[in-house]
Amino acid sequence: MALLIFTQQLGRFMTVPQVETRAGDLRCALDAAFAEHPRLRGYVLDEQGHLRENVVIFIDGQRSRERQILNDALAPDSKVYILQALSGG
């Protein structure tokens, strides 16, 4: 099963889960995570269901570039890291 790992930057807002899923793509995997942890949705996706500007996702070490459809394929053993990008100076 693919593993979704929400990194600790979200920890200041809520308990940060790890979610296992059999989803074949990123959108379905995120939907599975949001079904279990509905509060996560607002921190990861905007009102249109697109990835928020301050969120970055890595799938098996590769940054996901698709921010709207979120149709990146997942392998059965994929590791998906969802994190808030840090900004400032």
N, C-alpha and C. Protein backbone atom coordinates (compact mmCIF):
# COMPACT_ATOMS: atom_id res chain seq x y z
N MET A 1 0.83 -1.19 0.00
CA MET A 1 0.00 0.00 0.00
C MET A 1 0.87 1.25 0.00
N ALA A 2 0.40 2.27 -0.69
CA ALA A 2 1.09 3.56 -0.69
C ALA A 2 0.93 4.20 0.68
N LEU A 3 1.92 4.95 1.08
CA LEU A 3 1.91 5.61 2.38
C LEU A 3 1.98 7.12 2.18
N LEU A 4 1.00 7.83 2.73
CA LEU A 4 1.00 9.29 2.72
C LEU A 4 1.51 9.78 4.06
N ILE A 5 2.51 10.64 4.02
CA ILE A 5 3.14 11.15 5.23
C ILE A 5 2.97 12.67 5.23
N PHE A 6 2.22 13.15 6.18
CA PHE A 6 2.03 14.59 6.34
C PHE A 6 3.09 15.05 7.33
N THR A 7 3.97 15.93 6.88
CA THR A 7 5.13 16.30 7.68
C THR A 7 4.75 17.22 8.84
N GLN A 8 5.68 17.40 9.74
CA GLN A 8 5.42 18.05 11.01
C GLN A 8 5.06 19.52 10.94
N GLN A 9 5.25 20.18 9.80
CA GLN A 9 4.84 21.57 9.71
C GLN A 9 3.36 21.72 10.02
N LEU A 10 2.56 20.72 9.67
CA LEU A 10 1.13 20.75 9.97
C LEU A 10 0.85 20.44 11.43
N GLY A 11 1.84 19.97 12.15
CA GLY A 11 1.67 19.57 13.54
C GLY A 11 1.23 20.69 14.47
N ARG A 12 1.51 21.92 14.08
CA ARG A 12 1.07 23.03 14.94
C ARG A 12 -0.43 23.26 14.84
N PHE A 13 -1.09 22.67 13.83
CA PHE A 13 -2.51 22.85 13.63
C PHE A 13 -3.34 21.63 14.07
N MET A 14 -2.75 20.44 14.02
CA MET A 14 -3.50 19.21 14.28
C MET A 14 -2.54 18.04 14.44
N THR A 15 -3.06 16.92 14.89
CA THR A 15 -2.28 15.69 14.92
C THR A 15 -1.95 15.31 13.47
N VAL A 16 -0.70 14.99 13.22
CA VAL A 16 -0.26 14.72 11.85
C VAL A 16 -0.29 13.21 11.61
N PRO A 17 -1.17 12.78 10.69
CA PRO A 17 -1.31 11.33 10.46
C PRO A 17 -0.38 10.81 9.37
N GLN A 18 -0.26 9.51 9.35
CA GLN A 18 0.26 8.79 8.20
C GLN A 18 -0.89 7.91 7.73
N VAL A 19 -1.14 7.90 6.44
CA VAL A 19 -2.29 7.20 5.90
C VAL A 19 -1.83 6.19 4.86
N GLU A 20 -2.27 4.95 5.01
CA GLU A 20 -2.01 3.93 4.01
C GLU A 20 -3.21 3.84 3.09
N THR A 21 -2.94 3.68 1.79
CA THR A 21 -4.04 3.62 0.82
C THR A 21 -3.65 2.73 -0.36
N ARG A 22 -4.65 2.18 -0.98
CA ARG A 22 -4.45 1.40 -2.20
C ARG A 22 -4.74 2.24 -3.45
N ALA A 23 -4.91 3.54 -3.28
CA ALA A 23 -5.23 4.43 -4.40
C ALA A 23 -4.16 4.37 -5.48
N GLY A 24 -4.58 4.49 -6.72
CA GLY A 24 -3.66 4.42 -7.84
C GLY A 24 -3.11 5.76 -8.28
N ASP A 25 -3.70 6.87 -7.76
CA ASP A 25 -3.18 8.18 -8.11
C ASP A 25 -3.27 9.11 -6.90
N LEU A 26 -2.60 10.24 -7.03
CA LEU A 26 -2.47 11.16 -5.91
C LEU A 26 -3.82 11.71 -5.46
N ARG A 27 -4.69 12.10 -6.38
CA ARG A 27 -6.00 12.66 -6.02
C ARG A 27 -6.80 11.66 -5.18
N CYS A 28 -6.86 10.41 -5.60
CA CYS A 28 -7.61 9.40 -4.86
C CYS A 28 -6.97 9.13 -3.49
N ALA A 29 -5.65 9.17 -3.44
CA ALA A 29 -4.96 8.96 -2.16
C ALA A 29 -5.27 10.11 -1.19
N LEU A 30 -5.23 11.34 -1.70
CA LEU A 30 -5.56 12.48 -0.84
C LEU A 30 -7.02 12.41 -0.39
N ASP A 31 -7.92 12.04 -1.28
CA ASP A 31 -9.33 11.90 -0.90
C ASP A 31 -9.50 10.88 0.22
N ALA A 32 -8.75 9.78 0.15
CA ALA A 32 -8.81 8.77 1.21
C ALA A 32 -8.32 9.35 2.53
N ALA A 33 -7.24 10.13 2.48
CA ALA A 33 -6.71 10.75 3.70
C ALA A 33 -7.71 11.74 4.27
N PHE A 34 -8.35 12.53 3.40
CA PHE A 34 -9.31 13.54 3.88
C PHE A 34 -10.57 12.88 4.43
N ALA A 35 -10.93 11.72 3.92
CA ALA A 35 -12.09 11.00 4.47
C ALA A 35 -11.83 10.60 5.92
N GLU A 36 -10.60 10.23 6.22
CA GLU A 36 -10.22 9.85 7.60
C GLU A 36 -9.92 11.06 8.47
N HIS A 37 -9.39 12.13 7.86
CA HIS A 37 -8.94 13.32 8.60
C HIS A 37 -9.42 14.57 7.86
N PRO A 38 -10.71 14.91 7.99
CA PRO A 38 -11.30 15.99 7.19
C PRO A 38 -10.63 17.35 7.38
N ARG A 39 -10.08 17.64 8.54
CA ARG A 39 -9.45 18.95 8.77
C ARG A 39 -8.23 19.18 7.90
N LEU A 40 -7.59 18.12 7.45
CA LEU A 40 -6.41 18.25 6.60
C LEU A 40 -6.71 18.93 5.26
N ARG A 41 -7.89 18.70 4.75
CA ARG A 41 -8.24 19.18 3.41
C ARG A 41 -7.96 20.68 3.24
N GLY A 42 -8.41 21.48 4.18
CA GLY A 42 -8.24 22.92 4.08
C GLY A 42 -6.80 23.40 4.15
N TYR A 43 -5.93 22.60 4.72
CA TYR A 43 -4.51 22.96 4.78
C TYR A 43 -3.76 22.55 3.52
N VAL A 44 -4.31 21.58 2.79
CA VAL A 44 -3.63 21.04 1.61
C VAL A 44 -4.21 21.58 0.31
N LEU A 45 -5.54 21.64 0.23
CA LEU A 45 -6.21 22.07 -1.00
C LEU A 45 -6.93 23.40 -0.80
N ASP A 46 -7.04 24.17 -1.89
CA ASP A 46 -7.79 25.42 -1.82
C ASP A 46 -9.27 25.15 -2.12
N GLU A 47 -10.06 26.21 -2.25
CA GLU A 47 -11.50 26.08 -2.44
C GLU A 47 -11.86 25.42 -3.77
N GLN A 48 -10.98 25.46 -4.76
CA GLN A 48 -11.22 24.81 -6.05
C GLN A 48 -10.72 23.37 -6.07
N GLY A 49 -10.16 22.89 -4.98
CA GLY A 49 -9.63 21.54 -4.93
C GLY A 49 -8.23 21.41 -5.51
N HIS A 50 -7.55 22.54 -5.72
CA HIS A 50 -6.18 22.54 -6.22
C HIS A 50 -5.21 22.61 -5.04
N LEU A 51 -4.01 22.15 -5.27
CA LEU A 51 -2.99 22.20 -4.24
C LEU A 51 -2.70 23.65 -3.86
N ARG A 52 -2.67 23.93 -2.58
CA ARG A 52 -2.38 25.29 -2.13
C ARG A 52 -0.96 25.67 -2.54
N GLU A 53 -0.75 26.97 -2.74
CA GLU A 53 0.55 27.48 -3.17
C GLU A 53 1.68 27.12 -2.21
N ASN A 54 1.36 27.06 -0.92
CA ASN A 54 2.40 26.80 0.09
C ASN A 54 2.58 25.32 0.41
N VAL A 55 1.99 24.43 -0.39
CA VAL A 55 2.11 22.99 -0.16
C VAL A 55 2.90 22.36 -1.29
N VAL A 56 3.80 21.47 -0.92
CA VAL A 56 4.63 20.74 -1.88
C VAL A 56 4.44 19.25 -1.60
N ILE A 57 4.38 18.46 -2.66
CA ILE A 57 4.23 17.01 -2.53
C ILE A 57 5.36 16.32 -3.28
N PHE A 58 5.97 15.35 -2.61
CA PHE A 58 6.99 14.50 -3.21
C PHE A 58 6.48 13.07 -3.24
N ILE A 59 6.61 12.44 -4.40
CA ILE A 59 6.22 11.05 -4.58
C ILE A 59 7.47 10.27 -4.91
N ASP A 60 7.84 9.37 -4.02
CA ASP A 60 9.04 8.55 -4.22
C ASP A 60 10.26 9.41 -4.56
N GLY A 61 10.39 10.52 -3.86
CA GLY A 61 11.55 11.39 -4.02
C GLY A 61 11.46 12.40 -5.15
N GLN A 62 10.40 12.37 -5.94
CA GLN A 62 10.24 13.29 -7.06
C GLN A 62 9.12 14.29 -6.75
N ARG A 63 9.41 15.57 -6.97
CA ARG A 63 8.40 16.59 -6.70
C ARG A 63 7.26 16.50 -7.71
N SER A 64 6.04 16.51 -7.20
CA SER A 64 4.86 16.54 -8.05
C SER A 64 4.73 17.95 -8.62
N ARG A 65 4.61 18.07 -9.93
CA ARG A 65 4.48 19.37 -10.58
C ARG A 65 3.02 19.70 -10.91
N GLU A 66 2.17 18.71 -10.96
CA GLU A 66 0.78 18.89 -11.32
C GLU A 66 0.01 19.34 -10.07
N ARG A 67 -0.50 20.57 -10.06
CA ARG A 67 -1.09 21.15 -8.85
C ARG A 67 -2.61 21.24 -8.92
N GLN A 68 -3.23 20.91 -10.05
CA GLN A 68 -4.67 21.05 -10.16
C GLN A 68 -5.38 19.70 -10.25
N ILE A 69 -5.00 18.89 -11.21
CA ILE A 69 -5.67 17.60 -11.39
C ILE A 69 -5.18 16.59 -10.35
N LEU A 70 -3.91 16.68 -10.00
CA LEU A 70 -3.29 15.79 -9.00
C LEU A 70 -3.41 14.33 -9.41
N ASN A 71 -3.13 14.07 -10.69
CA ASN A 71 -3.28 12.71 -11.21
C ASN A 71 -1.98 11.93 -11.30
N ASP A 72 -0.96 12.34 -10.54
CA ASP A 72 0.30 11.57 -10.53
C ASP A 72 0.01 10.13 -10.13
N ALA A 73 0.59 9.19 -10.86
CA ALA A 73 0.40 7.77 -10.57
C ALA A 73 1.15 7.38 -9.31
N LEU A 74 0.57 6.47 -8.55
CA LEU A 74 1.22 5.91 -7.37
C LEU A 74 1.43 4.42 -7.56
N ALA A 75 2.60 3.95 -7.18
CA ALA A 75 2.88 2.52 -7.16
C ALA A 75 2.35 1.96 -5.85
N PRO A 76 2.15 0.65 -5.77
CA PRO A 76 1.64 0.06 -4.53
C PRO A 76 2.53 0.35 -3.31
N ASP A 77 3.81 0.59 -3.54
CA ASP A 77 4.72 0.84 -2.40
C ASP A 77 5.22 2.29 -2.35
N SER A 78 4.50 3.20 -3.01
CA SER A 78 4.93 4.61 -3.04
C SER A 78 4.92 5.23 -1.65
N LYS A 79 5.85 6.17 -1.46
CA LYS A 79 5.86 7.01 -0.28
C LYS A 79 5.61 8.44 -0.76
N VAL A 80 4.58 9.05 -0.19
CA VAL A 80 4.15 10.38 -0.59
C VAL A 80 4.31 11.31 0.61
N TYR A 81 5.12 12.35 0.45
CA TYR A 81 5.33 13.33 1.51
C TYR A 81 4.58 14.60 1.15
N ILE A 82 3.75 15.06 2.06
CA ILE A 82 2.98 16.28 1.88
C ILE A 82 3.48 17.27 2.91
N LEU A 83 4.01 18.41 2.44
CA LEU A 83 4.56 19.37 3.39
C LEU A 83 4.25 20.78 2.97
N GLN A 84 4.25 21.66 3.96
CA GLN A 84 4.10 23.07 3.69
C GLN A 84 5.47 23.62 3.36
N ALA A 85 5.54 24.34 2.24
CA ALA A 85 6.80 24.97 1.86
C ALA A 85 7.10 26.10 2.84
N LEU A 86 8.34 26.26 3.19
CA LEU A 86 8.75 27.33 4.10
C LEU A 86 9.13 28.54 3.26
N SER A 87 8.74 29.69 3.74
CA SER A 87 9.08 30.93 3.03
C SER A 87 9.50 31.97 4.04
N GLY A 88 9.99 33.05 3.55
CA GLY A 88 10.44 34.12 4.43
C GLY A 88 11.88 34.45 4.14
N GLY A 89 12.42 35.36 4.92
CA GLY A 89 13.78 35.72 4.59
C GLY A 89 14.54 36.28 5.74
